[in-house]
Amino acid sequence: MKRAIYILPIVLLLVLAVLSVVKLGQVGEPKSDLFKGKNRPAPEIVLTTLDQSEFRLADELGKPVIVNLWATWCLPCKLEHPYLMEMSKQVSIVGIAYKDDSDAIQTMLKVDGNPFSVVALDGDGMAGLDLGVNAVPETFLIDGDGMIVRQHRGPLSREEADAFIAQYQTLREAGQ
């Protein structure tokens, strides 16, 4: 009987450990991917720009717009920067600097080049949350009607940058 008193807690602990491992291993749709691949309305975003003017995402609508959330402290953002520079020769890109410092932003853009038609400052990260950002960098294509029609999490590759350009141009030709 005394043995059961010592063995019972060990058995219960093992059962809880097994249940935890099984539950953690269950594959479901990650919360960070709930919006990915689904068209949805772009949120109302009003931010201050790097040059201290007001940026309203709604003012960009009527034509497609590419929005890139990035930060100077983000190493993957630095990896995608050359692709953004190439893209900016063909399309307009709005940059939203996520939880970053104005001086660091200006320095980086001066050194590495500025691919953005406007740089808006999301100091508290709320605009990023409204867009459903998981982490920076993240890029969105918003059609002329204000619907997010493409989203890419992580740094853009050449192929993904080309896909954004192609879809952007298709929307422009369709009058979106």
Protein backbone atom coordinates (compact mmCIF):
# COMPACT_ATOMS: atom_id res chain seq x y z
CA MET A 1 0.00 0.00 0.00
CA LYS A 2 2.83 2.38 0.83
CA ARG A 3 4.32 1.72 -2.59
CA ALA A 4 1.12 2.91 -4.32
CA ILE A 5 1.35 6.23 -2.49
CA TYR A 6 4.81 6.81 -4.00
CA ILE A 7 4.04 5.46 -7.46
CA LEU A 8 0.69 7.25 -7.98
CA PRO A 9 2.17 10.81 -8.21
CA ILE A 10 4.84 9.60 -10.62
CA VAL A 11 2.23 7.93 -12.85
CA LEU A 12 0.06 11.07 -12.77
CA LEU A 13 3.04 13.23 -13.67
CA LEU A 14 3.91 10.95 -16.60
CA VAL A 15 0.31 11.01 -17.84
CA LEU A 16 0.28 14.84 -17.70
CA ALA A 17 3.62 14.97 -19.52
CA VAL A 18 2.36 12.69 -22.30
CA LEU A 19 -0.88 14.68 -22.66
CA SER A 20 1.12 17.94 -22.85
CA VAL A 21 3.39 16.57 -25.55
CA VAL A 22 0.43 15.26 -27.54
CA LYS A 23 -1.46 18.56 -27.24
CA LEU A 24 1.60 20.61 -28.25
CA GLY A 25 2.17 18.37 -31.22
CA GLN A 26 -1.33 18.80 -32.62
CA VAL A 27 -1.24 20.71 -35.86
CA GLY A 28 -3.88 23.35 -36.36
CA GLU A 29 -3.97 26.61 -38.25
CA PRO A 30 -1.45 28.86 -36.52
CA LYS A 31 -3.03 32.04 -35.22
CA SER A 32 -0.42 34.06 -37.10
CA ASP A 33 -1.68 32.59 -40.40
CA LEU A 34 -5.40 33.16 -39.88
CA PHE A 35 -5.43 36.04 -42.41
CA LYS A 36 -2.83 34.70 -44.82
CA GLY A 37 -4.28 33.94 -48.24
CA LYS A 38 -7.64 35.49 -47.42
CA ASN A 39 -8.71 38.81 -48.91
CA ARG A 40 -9.74 41.20 -46.19
CA PRO A 41 -10.27 44.94 -45.85
CA ALA A 42 -7.21 47.01 -45.04
CA PRO A 43 -7.56 48.77 -41.69
CA GLU A 44 -7.82 52.51 -41.21
CA ILE A 45 -4.24 53.61 -40.66
CA VAL A 46 -3.25 57.16 -39.81
CA LEU A 47 0.40 57.76 -38.93
CA THR A 48 3.00 60.48 -38.90
CA THR A 49 5.61 60.27 -41.63
CA LEU A 50 9.35 60.63 -41.36
CA ASP A 51 9.03 64.23 -42.57
CA GLN A 52 6.34 64.90 -39.90
CA SER A 53 3.34 65.02 -42.25
CA GLU A 54 0.23 62.91 -41.88
CA PHE A 55 -0.11 59.59 -43.71
CA ARG A 56 -3.54 58.04 -44.26
CA LEU A 57 -3.68 54.66 -45.93
CA ALA A 58 -7.14 55.55 -47.24
CA ASP A 59 -5.57 58.37 -49.30
CA GLU A 60 -3.54 55.75 -51.21
CA LEU A 61 -6.62 53.82 -52.33
CA GLY A 62 -8.16 54.00 -55.77
CA LYS A 63 -5.06 52.29 -57.13
CA PRO A 64 -3.09 49.31 -55.85
CA VAL A 65 -0.51 49.96 -53.16
CA ILE A 66 2.25 47.82 -51.71
CA VAL A 67 2.86 48.29 -47.99
CA ASN A 68 6.04 46.98 -46.36
CA LEU A 69 6.47 46.87 -42.58
CA TRP A 70 10.12 46.92 -41.62
CA ALA A 71 12.60 48.13 -39.01
CA THR A 72 16.25 49.15 -38.93
CA TRP A 73 16.90 46.67 -36.10
CA CYS A 74 15.47 43.79 -38.17
CA LEU A 75 18.12 41.66 -39.88
CA PRO A 76 15.66 39.96 -42.30
CA CYS A 77 14.53 43.46 -43.32
CA LYS A 78 18.09 44.21 -44.40
CA LEU A 79 18.08 41.01 -46.50
CA GLU A 80 15.00 42.08 -48.45
CA HIS A 81 16.06 45.71 -48.88
CA PRO A 82 17.81 45.17 -52.27
CA TYR A 83 14.61 43.56 -53.61
CA LEU A 84 12.56 46.53 -52.39
CA MET A 85 15.02 48.86 -54.15
CA GLU A 86 14.51 46.92 -57.40
CA MET A 87 10.73 46.84 -56.94
CA SER A 88 10.59 50.60 -56.37
CA LYS A 89 11.72 51.16 -59.96
CA GLN A 90 8.41 49.67 -61.15
CA VAL A 91 5.91 50.12 -58.31
CA SER A 92 5.20 52.49 -55.46
CA ILE A 93 5.91 51.09 -52.00
CA VAL A 94 4.72 52.57 -48.72
CA GLY A 95 7.14 51.79 -45.92
CA ILE A 96 5.87 51.57 -42.37
CA ALA A 97 8.73 51.66 -39.89
CA TYR A 98 7.68 49.38 -37.05
CA LYS A 99 8.70 50.39 -33.51
CA ASP A 100 11.77 52.22 -34.71
CA ASP A 101 13.77 55.41 -34.14
CA SER A 102 13.56 58.28 -36.66
CA ASP A 103 17.30 58.95 -36.60
CA ALA A 104 18.13 55.29 -37.24
CA ILE A 105 15.59 55.20 -40.09
CA GLN A 106 17.02 58.29 -41.76
CA THR A 107 20.57 56.97 -41.44
CA MET A 108 19.71 53.56 -42.89
CA LEU A 109 17.77 55.00 -45.83
CA LYS A 110 20.58 57.44 -46.57
CA VAL A 111 23.19 54.66 -46.58
CA ASP A 112 21.20 51.81 -48.20
CA GLY A 113 18.81 53.80 -50.39
CA ASN A 114 15.14 54.60 -49.97
CA PRO A 115 12.72 52.37 -51.89
CA PHE A 116 9.65 53.96 -50.29
CA SER A 117 7.38 56.64 -51.71
CA VAL A 118 6.54 57.51 -48.11
CA VAL A 119 7.87 56.32 -44.75
CA ALA A 120 5.24 56.24 -42.01
CA LEU A 121 6.20 55.74 -38.37
CA ASP A 122 4.45 53.05 -36.33
CA GLY A 123 6.16 53.82 -33.04
CA ASP A 124 3.77 51.90 -30.81
CA GLY A 125 3.19 49.03 -33.25
CA MET A 126 -0.60 49.48 -33.34
CA ALA A 127 -0.81 49.88 -37.12
CA GLY A 128 1.14 46.65 -37.48
CA LEU A 129 -1.28 44.91 -35.14
CA ASP A 130 -4.24 46.31 -37.10
CA LEU A 131 -2.74 44.81 -40.26
CA GLY A 132 -2.28 41.47 -38.51
CA VAL A 133 1.51 41.53 -38.55
CA ASN A 134 3.23 38.65 -36.83
CA ALA A 135 6.77 40.02 -37.14
CA VAL A 136 8.71 42.28 -39.48
CA PRO A 137 9.31 42.28 -42.34
CA GLU A 138 5.89 41.76 -43.77
CA THR A 139 4.56 42.96 -47.11
CA PHE A 140 0.99 43.56 -48.27
CA LEU A 141 -0.62 44.32 -51.62
CA ILE A 142 -3.82 46.31 -51.25
CA ASP A 143 -6.07 46.71 -54.27
CA GLY A 144 -7.76 49.95 -55.27
CA ASP A 145 -10.89 48.99 -53.33
CA GLY A 146 -8.92 48.71 -50.08
CA MET A 147 -8.75 44.91 -49.91
CA ILE A 148 -5.55 43.15 -48.87
CA VAL A 149 -5.13 40.69 -51.74
CA ARG A 150 -1.59 39.45 -51.10
CA GLN A 151 0.49 39.10 -47.98
CA HIS A 152 4.01 37.81 -47.42
CA ARG A 153 5.51 37.15 -43.99
CA GLY A 154 9.28 37.38 -43.71
CA PRO A 155 11.85 38.79 -46.09
CA LEU A 156 10.93 38.95 -49.76
CA SER A 157 12.84 36.74 -52.14
CA ARG A 158 13.39 37.70 -55.78
CA GLU A 159 10.53 35.37 -56.78
CA GLU A 160 8.14 36.83 -54.21
CA ALA A 161 9.11 40.40 -55.20
CA ASP A 162 8.43 39.54 -58.85
CA ALA A 163 5.06 38.03 -57.88
CA PHE A 164 4.10 41.24 -56.05
CA ILE A 165 5.07 43.33 -59.08
CA ALA A 166 3.13 41.10 -61.47
CA GLN A 167 -0.02 41.15 -59.34
CA TYR A 168 0.32 44.92 -58.78
CA GLN A 169 0.56 45.50 -62.55
CA THR A 170 -2.40 43.20 -63.21
CA LEU A 171 -4.48 45.22 -60.75
CA ARG A 172 -3.34 48.51 -62.36
CA GLU A 173 -4.31 47.26 -65.81
CA ALA A 174 -7.70 46.15 -64.49
CA GLY A 175 -8.28 49.61 -63.04
CA GLN A 176 -8.12 48.34 -59.49
